[in-house]
C-alpha atoms as a PDB file:
ATOM      1  CA  MET A   1      69.114 133.586 150.768  1.00  0.00           C
ATOM      2  CA  ASP A   2      67.355 130.326 149.834  1.00  0.00           C
ATOM      3  CA  GLN A   3      65.960 129.480 146.388  1.00  0.00           C
ATOM      4  CA  ASN A   4      62.320 130.276 147.319  1.00  0.00           C
ATOM      5  CA  SER A   5      63.218 133.723 148.609  1.00  0.00           C
ATOM      6  CA  LEU A   6      65.172 134.442 145.469  1.00  0.00           C
ATOM      7  CA  HIS A   7      62.246 133.351 143.320  1.00  0.00           C
ATOM      8  CA  ARG A   8      59.849 135.592 145.298  1.00  0.00           C
ATOM      9  CA  ALA A   9      62.201 138.534 145.026  1.00  0.00           C
ATOM     10  CA  ARG A  10      62.522 138.063 141.307  1.00  0.00           C
ATOM     11  CA  ASN A  11      58.769 137.832 140.860  1.00  0.00           C
ATOM     12  CA  ARG A  12      58.297 140.972 142.957  1.00  0.00           C
ATOM     13  CA  ALA A  13      60.840 142.874 140.839  1.00  0.00           C
ATOM     14  CA  LEU A  14      59.218 141.695 137.651  1.00  0.00           C
ATOM     15  CA  GLY A  15      55.804 142.752 138.961  1.00  0.00           C
ATOM     16  CA  ILE A  16      57.133 146.248 139.830  1.00  0.00           C
ATOM     17  CA  ALA A  17      58.858 146.581 136.435  1.00  0.00           C
ATOM     18  CA  HIS A  18      55.670 145.450 134.721  1.00  0.00           C
ATOM     19  CA  GLY A  19      53.594 147.989 136.644  1.00  0.00           C
ATOM     20  CA  VAL A  20      56.035 150.816 135.930  1.00  0.00           C
ATOM     21  CA  GLY A  21      56.098 149.887 132.238  1.00  0.00           C
ATOM     22  CA  LEU A  22      52.297 149.889 132.069  1.00  0.00           C
ATOM     23  CA  PHE A  23      52.172 153.242 133.873  1.00  0.00           C
ATOM     24  CA  LEU A  24      54.629 154.818 131.449  1.00  0.00           C
ATOM     25  CA  ALA A  25      52.794 153.400 128.429  1.00  0.00           C
ATOM     26  CA  MET A  26      49.463 154.729 129.691  1.00  0.00           C
ATOM     27  CA  LEU A  27      51.068 158.107 130.431  1.00  0.00           C
ATOM     28  CA  VAL A  28      52.266 158.381 126.827  1.00  0.00           C
ATOM     29  CA  ILE A  29      48.872 157.273 125.487  1.00  0.00           C
ATOM     30  CA  CYS A  30      46.893 159.655 127.739  1.00  0.00           C
ATOM     31  CA  LEU A  31      49.300 162.627 127.517  1.00  0.00           C
ATOM     32  CA  PRO A  32      47.595 164.240 124.441  1.00  0.00           C
ATOM     33  CA  GLY A  33      44.196 164.050 126.137  1.00  0.00           C
ATOM     34  CA  ILE A  34      45.542 165.473 129.392  1.00  0.00           C
ATOM     35  CA  TRP A  35      47.250 168.225 127.466  1.00  0.00           C
ATOM     36  CA  ILE A  36      43.969 169.129 125.664  1.00  0.00           C
ATOM     37  CA  VAL A  37      42.075 169.294 129.026  1.00  0.00           C
ATOM     38  CA  LEU A  38      44.831 171.499 130.606  1.00  0.00           C
ATOM     39  CA  SER A  39      44.961 173.733 127.518  1.00  0.00           C
ATOM     40  CA  SER A  40      41.228 174.355 127.726  1.00  0.00           C
ATOM     41  CA  LEU A  41      41.737 175.622 131.333  1.00  0.00           C
ATOM     42  CA  ARG A  42      44.957 177.690 131.008  1.00  0.00           C
ATOM     43  CA  PRO A  43      45.548 181.126 129.487  1.00  0.00           C
ATOM     44  CA  THR A  44      46.495 181.389 125.794  1.00  0.00           C
ATOM     45  CA  VAL A  45      49.897 182.828 126.801  1.00  0.00           C
ATOM     46  CA  GLU A  46      50.788 179.561 128.503  1.00  0.00           C
ATOM     47  CA  ILE A  47      49.509 177.448 125.551  1.00  0.00           C
ATOM     48  CA  MET A  48      51.784 179.340 123.138  1.00  0.00           C
ATOM     49  CA  ALA A  49      54.774 179.524 125.488  1.00  0.00           C
ATOM     50  CA  LYS A  50      58.191 178.272 124.345  1.00  0.00           C
ATOM     51  CA  PRO A  51      59.507 176.206 125.991  1.00  0.00           C
ATOM     52  CA  PRO A  52      56.167 174.696 126.964  1.00  0.00           C
ATOM     53  CA  VAL A  53      54.692 175.302 130.401  1.00  0.00           C
ATOM     54  CA  TRP A  54      54.055 171.769 131.739  1.00  0.00           C
ATOM     55  CA  ILE A  55      52.413 172.768 135.018  1.00  0.00           C
ATOM     56  CA  PRO A  56      49.723 175.502 134.613  1.00  0.00           C
ATOM     57  CA  ARG A  57      50.095 178.501 136.847  1.00  0.00           C
ATOM     58  CA  GLU A  58      46.505 179.537 136.456  1.00  0.00           C
ATOM     59  CA  LEU A  59      43.353 177.505 135.723  1.00  0.00           C
ATOM     60  CA  SER A  60      39.896 178.850 134.844  1.00  0.00           C
ATOM     61  CA  LEU A  61      36.662 177.774 133.148  1.00  0.00           C
ATOM     62  CA  ASP A  62      36.445 180.945 130.991  1.00  0.00           C
ATOM     63  CA  ALA A  63      36.607 179.006 127.715  1.00  0.00           C
ATOM     64  CA  TYR A  64      33.606 176.841 128.711  1.00  0.00           C
ATOM     65  CA  VAL A  65      31.634 179.817 130.026  1.00  0.00           C
ATOM     66  CA  ALA A  66      32.335 181.717 126.800  1.00  0.00           C
ATOM     67  CA  MET A  67      31.358 178.708 124.696  1.00  0.00           C
ATOM     68  CA  PHE A  68      27.993 178.152 126.368  1.00  0.00           C
ATOM     69  CA  SER A  69      27.122 181.757 127.225  1.00  0.00           C
ATOM     70  CA  GLY A  70      27.424 182.700 123.518  1.00  0.00           C
ATOM     71  CA  ILE A  71      24.762 180.254 122.377  1.00  0.00           C
ATOM     72  CA  GLY A  72      22.090 182.181 120.457  1.00  0.00           C
ATOM     73  CA  LYS A  73      24.085 185.420 120.651  1.00  0.00           C
ATOM     74  CA  GLY A  74      26.311 185.033 117.632  1.00  0.00           C
ATOM     75  CA  GLY A  75      28.753 182.669 119.391  1.00  0.00           C
ATOM     76  CA  ILE A  76      29.692 179.108 118.437  1.00  0.00           C
ATOM     77  CA  PRO A  77      26.416 177.103 118.086  1.00  0.00           C
ATOM     78  CA  VAL A  78      27.730 174.166 120.112  1.00  0.00           C
ATOM     79  CA  LEU A  79      24.295 172.665 120.848  1.00  0.00           C
ATOM     80  CA  ASP A  80      23.375 172.662 117.134  1.00  0.00           C
ATOM     81  CA  TYR A  81      26.658 170.978 116.277  1.00  0.00           C
ATOM     82  CA  PHE A  82      26.140 168.472 119.075  1.00  0.00           C
ATOM     83  CA  ARG A  83      22.627 167.674 117.933  1.00  0.00           C
ATOM     84  CA  ASN A  84      23.828 167.161 114.333  1.00  0.00           C
ATOM     85  CA  SER A  85      26.637 164.898 115.474  1.00  0.00           C
ATOM     86  CA  LEU A  86      24.332 162.836 117.631  1.00  0.00           C
ATOM     87  CA  ILE A  87      21.619 162.390 114.970  1.00  0.00           C
ATOM     88  CA  ILE A  88      24.144 161.519 112.221  1.00  0.00           C
ATOM     89  CA  SER A  89      26.272 159.209 114.353  1.00  0.00           C
ATOM     90  CA  VAL A  90      23.462 157.300 116.040  1.00  0.00           C
ATOM     91  CA  THR A  91      21.425 156.896 112.811  1.00  0.00           C
ATOM     92  CA  SER A  92      24.412 155.806 110.695  1.00  0.00           C
ATOM     93  CA  THR A  93      25.520 153.421 113.426  1.00  0.00           C
ATOM     94  CA  VAL A  94      22.129 151.730 113.734  1.00  0.00           C
ATOM     95  CA  ILE A  95      21.825 151.339 109.919  1.00  0.00           C
ATOM     96  CA  ALA A  96      25.385 150.017 109.628  1.00  0.00           C
ATOM     97  CA  ILE A  97      24.790 147.506 112.389  1.00  0.00           C
ATOM     98  CA  VAL A  98      21.546 146.220 110.853  1.00  0.00           C
ATOM     99  CA  ILE A  99      23.257 145.792 107.448  1.00  0.00           C
ATOM    100  CA  GLY A 100      26.408 144.408 109.140  1.00  0.00           C
ATOM    101  CA  MET A 101      24.361 141.810 111.038  1.00  0.00           C
ATOM    102  CA  ALA A 102      22.589 140.652 107.855  1.00  0.00           C
ATOM    103  CA  GLY A 103      25.799 140.604 105.810  1.00  0.00           C
ATOM    104  CA  GLY A 104      27.916 139.066 108.572  1.00  0.00           C
ATOM    105  CA  TYR A 105      25.351 136.339 109.175  1.00  0.00           C
ATOM    106  CA  ALA A 106      25.091 135.572 105.480  1.00  0.00           C
ATOM    107  CA  PHE A 107      28.890 135.273 105.069  1.00  0.00           C
ATOM    108  CA  ALA A 108      29.178 133.119 108.227  1.00  0.00           C
ATOM    109  CA  ARG A 109      26.268 130.753 107.644  1.00  0.00           C
ATOM    110  CA  TYR A 110      25.593 130.363 103.930  1.00  0.00           C
ATOM    111  CA  ARG A 111      27.569 129.294 100.892  1.00  0.00           C
ATOM    112  CA  PHE A 112      27.019 131.115  97.643  1.00  0.00           C
ATOM    113  CA  ARG A 113      28.888 131.798  94.410  1.00  0.00           C
ATOM    114  CA  ALA A 114      31.743 134.336  94.593  1.00  0.00           C
ATOM    115  CA  LYS A 115      31.435 134.521  98.378  1.00  0.00           C
ATOM    116  CA  SER A 116      35.188 134.983  98.966  1.00  0.00           C
ATOM    117  CA  ALA A 117      35.506 137.500  96.136  1.00  0.00           C
ATOM    118  CA  MET A 118      32.579 139.582  97.467  1.00  0.00           C
ATOM    119  CA  PHE A 119      34.068 139.520 101.016  1.00  0.00           C
ATOM    120  CA  LEU A 120      37.492 140.561  99.730  1.00  0.00           C
ATOM    121  CA  GLY A 121      35.894 143.329  97.691  1.00  0.00           C
ATOM    122  CA  LEU A 122      34.159 144.681 100.820  1.00  0.00           C
ATOM    123  CA  MET A 123      37.390 144.648 102.754  1.00  0.00           C
ATOM    124  CA  LEU A 124      39.281 146.406  99.927  1.00  0.00           C
ATOM    125  CA  THR A 125      36.889 149.340 100.130  1.00  0.00           C
ATOM    126  CA  ARG A 126      38.455 150.132 103.541  1.00  0.00           C
ATOM    127  CA  THR A 127      41.836 150.651 101.888  1.00  0.00           C
ATOM    128  CA  VAL A 128      40.652 153.788 100.114  1.00  0.00           C
ATOM    129  CA  PRO A 129      41.319 156.925 102.193  1.00  0.00           C
ATOM    130  CA  GLY A 130      38.189 158.915 102.934  1.00  0.00           C
ATOM    131  CA  ILE A 131      39.725 162.159 101.809  1.00  0.00           C
ATOM    132  CA  ALA A 132      40.314 160.689  98.329  1.00  0.00           C
ATOM    133  CA  LEU A 133      36.531 160.234  98.006  1.00  0.00           C
ATOM    134  CA  SER A 134      35.622 163.795  99.103  1.00  0.00           C
ATOM    135  CA  LEU A 135      35.770 165.426  95.659  1.00  0.00           C
ATOM    136  CA  PRO A 136      33.812 162.663  93.793  1.00  0.00           C
ATOM    137  CA  LEU A 137      31.273 162.576  96.603  1.00  0.00           C
ATOM    138  CA  PHE A 138      30.912 166.344  96.514  1.00  0.00           C
ATOM    139  CA  PHE A 139      30.046 166.340  92.808  1.00  0.00           C
ATOM    140  CA  VAL A 140      27.646 163.407  93.099  1.00  0.00           C
ATOM    141  CA  PHE A 141      25.924 164.844  96.163  1.00  0.00           C
ATOM    142  CA  ALA A 142      25.669 168.312  94.521  1.00  0.00           C
ATOM    143  CA  ARG A 143      23.891 166.733  91.553  1.00  0.00           C
ATOM    144  CA  LEU A 144      21.531 164.896  93.873  1.00  0.00           C
ATOM    145  CA  GLY A 145      20.906 167.944  96.017  1.00  0.00           C
ATOM    146  CA  ILE A 146      21.981 166.368  99.290  1.00  0.00           C
ATOM    147  CA  ILE A 147      24.950 168.570 100.129  1.00  0.00           C
ATOM    148  CA  ASP A 148      24.672 170.098 103.634  1.00  0.00           C
ATOM    149  CA  THR A 149      22.065 167.588 104.774  1.00  0.00           C
ATOM    150  CA  HIS A 150      21.934 164.908 107.532  1.00  0.00           C
ATOM    151  CA  PHE A 151      20.908 162.358 104.930  1.00  0.00           C
ATOM    152  CA  GLY A 152      24.082 162.883 102.903  1.00  0.00           C
ATOM    153  CA  LEU A 153      26.444 162.392 105.813  1.00  0.00           C
ATOM    154  CA  ILE A 154      24.472 159.395 107.120  1.00  0.00           C
ATOM    155  CA  LEU A 155      24.754 157.813 103.681  1.00  0.00           C
ATOM    156  CA  VAL A 156      28.526 158.322 103.633  1.00  0.00           C
ATOM    157  CA  TYR A 157      29.074 157.017 107.147  1.00  0.00           C
ATOM    158  CA  VAL A 158      26.941 153.949 106.558  1.00  0.00           C
ATOM    159  CA  ALA A 159      29.003 153.099 103.501  1.00  0.00           C
ATOM    160  CA  LEU A 160      32.187 153.755 105.513  1.00  0.00           C
ATOM    161  CA  ASN A 161      31.203 151.512 108.440  1.00  0.00           C
ATOM    162  CA  VAL A 162      29.433 148.607 106.737  1.00  0.00           C
ATOM    163  CA  PRO A 163      32.566 146.702 105.596  1.00  0.00           C
ATOM    164  CA  PHE A 164      34.060 146.750 109.068  1.00  0.00           C
ATOM    165  CA  THR A 165      30.870 145.786 110.848  1.00  0.00           C
ATOM    166  CA  ILE A 166      30.334 142.875 108.430  1.00  0.00           C
ATOM    167  CA  TRP A 167      33.905 141.682 109.009  1.00  0.00           C
ATOM    168  CA  LEU A 168      33.646 141.827 112.781  1.00  0.00           C
ATOM    169  CA  ILE A 169      30.137 140.396 113.118  1.00  0.00           C
ATOM    170  CA  ASP A 170      30.984 137.632 110.596  1.00  0.00           C
ATOM    171  CA  GLY A 171      33.842 136.529 112.899  1.00  0.00           C
ATOM    172  CA  PHE A 172      31.441 136.309 115.829  1.00  0.00           C
ATOM    173  CA  PHE A 173      28.715 134.356 114.094  1.00  0.00           C
ATOM    174  CA  ARG A 174      31.380 131.839 113.048  1.00  0.00           C
ATOM    175  CA  GLN A 175      32.091 131.243 116.723  1.00  0.00           C
ATOM    176  CA  VAL A 176      28.446 130.353 117.411  1.00  0.00           C
ATOM    177  CA  PRO A 177      27.934 126.604 116.657  1.00  0.00           C
ATOM    178  CA  LYS A 178      25.301 125.911 113.995  1.00  0.00           C
ATOM    179  CA  ASP A 179      24.098 122.999 116.100  1.00  0.00           C
ATOM    180  CA  LEU A 180      22.533 125.403 118.630  1.00  0.00           C
ATOM    181  CA  ALA A 181      20.243 126.970 116.030  1.00  0.00           C
ATOM    182  CA  GLU A 182      19.392 123.590 114.561  1.00  0.00           C
ATOM    183  CA  ALA A 183      18.512 122.265 118.021  1.00  0.00           C
ATOM    184  CA  ALA A 184      16.266 125.266 118.617  1.00  0.00           C
ATOM    185  CA  GLN A 185      14.479 124.602 115.342  1.00  0.00           C
ATOM    186  CA  ILE A 186      13.999 120.955 116.304  1.00  0.00           C
ATOM    187  CA  ASP A 187      12.421 122.166 119.512  1.00  0.00           C
ATOM    188  CA  GLY A 188       9.875 124.165 117.540  1.00  0.00           C
ATOM    189  CA  CYS A 189      11.515 127.523 116.895  1.00  0.00           C
ATOM    190  CA  THR A 190      11.318 129.074 113.464  1.00  0.00           C
ATOM    191  CA  ARG A 191      14.560 130.072 111.727  1.00  0.00           C
ATOM    192  CA  TRP A 192      13.922 133.701 112.726  1.00  0.00           C
ATOM    193  CA  GLN A 193      13.228 132.759 116.383  1.00  0.00           C
ATOM    194  CA  ALA A 194      16.335 130.606 116.463  1.00  0.00           C
ATOM    195  CA  PHE A 195      18.386 133.597 115.310  1.00  0.00           C
ATOM    196  CA  TRP A 196      16.985 136.090 117.814  1.00  0.00           C
ATOM    197  CA  GLN A 197      16.722 133.764 120.797  1.00  0.00           C
ATOM    198  CA  VAL A 198      19.888 131.678 120.380  1.00  0.00           C
ATOM    199  CA  GLU A 199      22.467 133.096 117.927  1.00  0.00           C
ATOM    200  CA  PHE A 200      21.951 136.822 118.447  1.00  0.00           C
ATOM    201  CA  PRO A 201      22.557 136.798 122.252  1.00  0.00           C
ATOM    202  CA  LEU A 202      25.753 134.780 121.845  1.00  0.00           C
ATOM    203  CA  ALA A 203      27.022 137.203 119.209  1.00  0.00           C
ATOM    204  CA  GLY A 204      26.025 140.215 121.348  1.00  0.00           C
ATOM    205  CA  PRO A 205      29.588 141.229 122.379  1.00  0.00           C
ATOM    206  CA  GLY A 206      30.705 141.307 118.736  1.00  0.00           C
ATOM    207  CA  ILE A 207      27.696 143.423 117.705  1.00  0.00           C
ATOM    208  CA  ALA A 208      28.356 145.786 120.636  1.00  0.00           C
ATOM    209  CA  SER A 209      32.007 146.122 119.557  1.00  0.00           C
ATOM    210  CA  ALA A 210      31.058 146.828 115.954  1.00  0.00           C
ATOM    211  CA  GLY A 211      28.497 149.411 117.178  1.00  0.00           C
ATOM    212  CA  ILE A 212      30.974 151.324 119.326  1.00  0.00           C
ATOM    213  CA  PHE A 213      33.573 151.429 116.562  1.00  0.00           C
ATOM    214  CA  ALA A 214      30.999 152.567 114.020  1.00  0.00           C
ATOM    215  CA  PHE A 215      29.734 155.273 116.391  1.00  0.00           C
ATOM    216  CA  LEU A 216      33.269 156.592 117.109  1.00  0.00           C
ATOM    217  CA  THR A 217      34.146 156.626 113.436  1.00  0.00           C
ATOM    218  CA  SER A 218      31.077 158.709 112.646  1.00  0.00           C
ATOM    219  CA  TRP A 219      31.449 160.947 115.754  1.00  0.00           C
ATOM    220  CA  ASN A 220      35.092 161.842 115.096  1.00  0.00           C
ATOM    221  CA  GLU A 221      35.208 161.955 111.237  1.00  0.00           C
ATOM    222  CA  PHE A 222      36.316 165.331 109.908  1.00  0.00           C
ATOM    223  CA  ALA A 223      37.647 165.073 106.339  1.00  0.00           C
ATOM    224  CA  LEU A 224      34.377 164.129 104.575  1.00  0.00           C
ATOM    225  CA  ALA A 225      32.148 166.164 106.916  1.00  0.00           C
ATOM    226  CA  SER A 226      34.163 169.316 106.223  1.00  0.00           C
ATOM    227  CA  GLN A 227      33.604 168.936 102.487  1.00  0.00           C
ATOM    228  CA  LEU A 228      29.910 167.905 102.583  1.00  0.00           C
ATOM    229  CA  THR A 229      28.543 170.372 105.131  1.00  0.00           C
ATOM    230  CA  ARG A 230      28.146 174.111 104.873  1.00  0.00           C
ATOM    231  CA  SER A 231      25.806 175.514 107.530  1.00  0.00           C
ATOM    232  CA  ILE A 232      24.629 175.060 111.111  1.00  0.00           C
ATOM    233  CA  ASN A 233      21.923 172.726 109.776  1.00  0.00           C
ATOM    234  CA  SER A 234      24.354 169.857 109.284  1.00  0.00           C
ATOM    235  CA  LYS A 235      27.781 170.776 110.597  1.00  0.00           C
ATOM    236  CA  THR A 236      29.125 168.285 113.160  1.00  0.00           C
ATOM    237  CA  LEU A 237      31.360 168.960 116.165  1.00  0.00           C
ATOM    238  CA  PRO A 238      34.718 168.146 114.451  1.00  0.00           C
ATOM    239  CA  VAL A 239      33.844 170.647 111.674  1.00  0.00           C
ATOM    240  CA  GLY A 240      32.708 173.125 114.365  1.00  0.00           C
ATOM    241  CA  LEU A 241      36.304 173.243 115.644  1.00  0.00           C
ATOM    242  CA  LEU A 242      37.121 175.374 112.517  1.00  0.00           C
ATOM    243  CA  ASP A 243      34.903 178.113 113.891  1.00  0.00           C
ATOM    244  CA  TYR A 244      37.711 178.924 116.304  1.00  0.00           C
ATOM    245  CA  THR A 245      40.072 179.749 113.463  1.00  0.00           C
ATOM    246  CA  ALA A 246      40.261 183.182 111.854  1.00  0.00           C
ATOM    247  CA  GLU A 247      42.468 184.642 109.092  1.00  0.00           C
ATOM    248  CA  PHE A 248      45.358 185.482 111.348  1.00  0.00           C
ATOM    249  CA  THR A 249      44.500 184.008 114.766  1.00  0.00           C
ATOM    250  CA  ILE A 250      43.400 180.739 116.329  1.00  0.00           C
ATOM    251  CA  ASP A 251      41.552 180.482 119.625  1.00  0.00           C
ATOM    252  CA  TRP A 252      43.436 177.453 120.898  1.00  0.00           C
ATOM    253  CA  ARG A 253      41.817 177.499 124.330  1.00  0.00           C
ATOM    254  CA  GLY A 254      38.281 177.579 122.878  1.00  0.00           C
ATOM    255  CA  MET A 255      39.207 174.877 120.417  1.00  0.00           C
ATOM    256  CA  CYS A 256      40.535 172.622 123.188  1.00  0.00           C
ATOM    257  CA  ALA A 257      37.374 173.294 125.249  1.00  0.00           C
ATOM    258  CA  LEU A 258      35.181 172.113 122.376  1.00  0.00           C
ATOM    259  CA  ALA A 259      37.438 169.115 121.910  1.00  0.00           C
ATOM    260  CA  VAL A 260      36.835 168.195 125.583  1.00  0.00           C
ATOM    261  CA  VAL A 261      33.085 168.511 125.054  1.00  0.00           C
ATOM    262  CA  MET A 262      33.467 166.183 122.041  1.00  0.00           C
ATOM    263  CA  ILE A 263      35.500 163.632 124.016  1.00  0.00           C
ATOM    264  CA  ILE A 264      33.119 163.289 126.951  1.00  0.00           C
ATOM    265  CA  PRO A 265      30.185 161.451 125.182  1.00  0.00           C
ATOM    266  CA  ALA A 266      32.570 159.145 123.283  1.00  0.00           C
ATOM    267  CA  LEU A 267      34.544 158.359 126.455  1.00  0.00           C
ATOM    268  CA  THR A 268      31.343 157.805 128.481  1.00  0.00           C
ATOM    269  CA  LEU A 269      29.941 155.364 125.849  1.00  0.00           C
ATOM    270  CA  THR A 270      33.230 153.500 125.705  1.00  0.00           C
ATOM    271  CA  PHE A 271      33.292 153.044 129.455  1.00  0.00           C
ATOM    272  CA  ILE A 272      29.684 151.779 129.507  1.00  0.00           C
ATOM    273  CA  VAL A 273      30.328 149.098 126.936  1.00  0.00           C
ATOM    274  CA  GLN A 274      34.015 148.416 127.680  1.00  0.00           C
ATOM    275  CA  LYS A 275      33.267 144.921 128.964  1.00  0.00           C
ATOM    276  CA  HIS A 276      31.576 144.020 125.665  1.00  0.00           C
ATOM    277  CA  LEU A 277      34.300 145.826 123.717  1.00  0.00           C
ATOM    278  CA  VAL A 278      37.191 143.846 125.214  1.00  0.00           C
ATOM    279  CA  GLY A 279      35.291 140.560 125.066  1.00  0.00           C
ATOM    280  CA  GLY A 280      34.253 141.303 121.490  1.00  0.00           C
ATOM    281  CA  LEU A 281      37.721 141.999 120.219  1.00  0.00           C
ATOM    282  CA  THR A 282      39.287 138.986 121.895  1.00  0.00           C
ATOM    283  CA  SER A 283      36.576 136.447 120.957  1.00  0.00           C
ATOM    284  CA  GLY A 284      35.708 137.574 117.455  1.00  0.00           C
ATOM    285  CA  ALA A 285      39.283 137.957 116.328  1.00  0.00           C
ATOM    286  CA  VAL A 286      39.618 134.233 115.611  1.00  0.00           C
ATOM    287  CA  LYS A 287      37.417 132.791 112.846  1.00  0.00           C
ATOM    288  CA  GLY A 288      36.334 129.222 112.793  1.00  0.00           C
END
């Protein structure tokens, strides 16, 4: 066998090994999600079986039928929880992105006193676990009368997401040359027009990445929502999972079905903006 054939065979073997490795890695990553979907379709006996039943013997949509047929009849109010999650997540994400754009642009473009200390302080707020804040927030919100309201959770999630959005968007605006905005101003644009027409489109992938992360954080957050909500008026989908637990039993199949309902919007949104998401993370990771 000549040298070229050996080289091609080695490259083919490396390609196959690379593909197998990626497949196994994706299998490990996706296995919990696949297991949740299968558990929502299989009988409770199979879910609780030991050793586990890997291949379901019987599949049905009973859990989904029970979930949606019980709406308005004393069942789990899935649509109310979904509406609350959507309102809170979308509103908090929009507010966090607006503040993050203003803050990120200020840190990237202007020099002011204690700039580094302020940026470090913002980043340090992310080191505090959310659950550690639940008790202080509960007492403060109780005094203010905003327990069990959309406004209370939106306020919490905005505070939770703003440091990350500022950090990510700041990295993107640093990648946009200042000369472009200055050239636009020389051509007759105002400072505001230069921002919206030149700098904002170039930083779009970073803003999209920050938006999807902020939305997913708000959509999936459980610890704070479980402490600050009490009724159907404000409970979100993650907190709604607790409705499937009783004193001595847990409806694992119903819980998994609701988890699948939760996953679908987040997964759909991620697929829609995945091009911006990947580009955003790879481009904005390096600061100039």
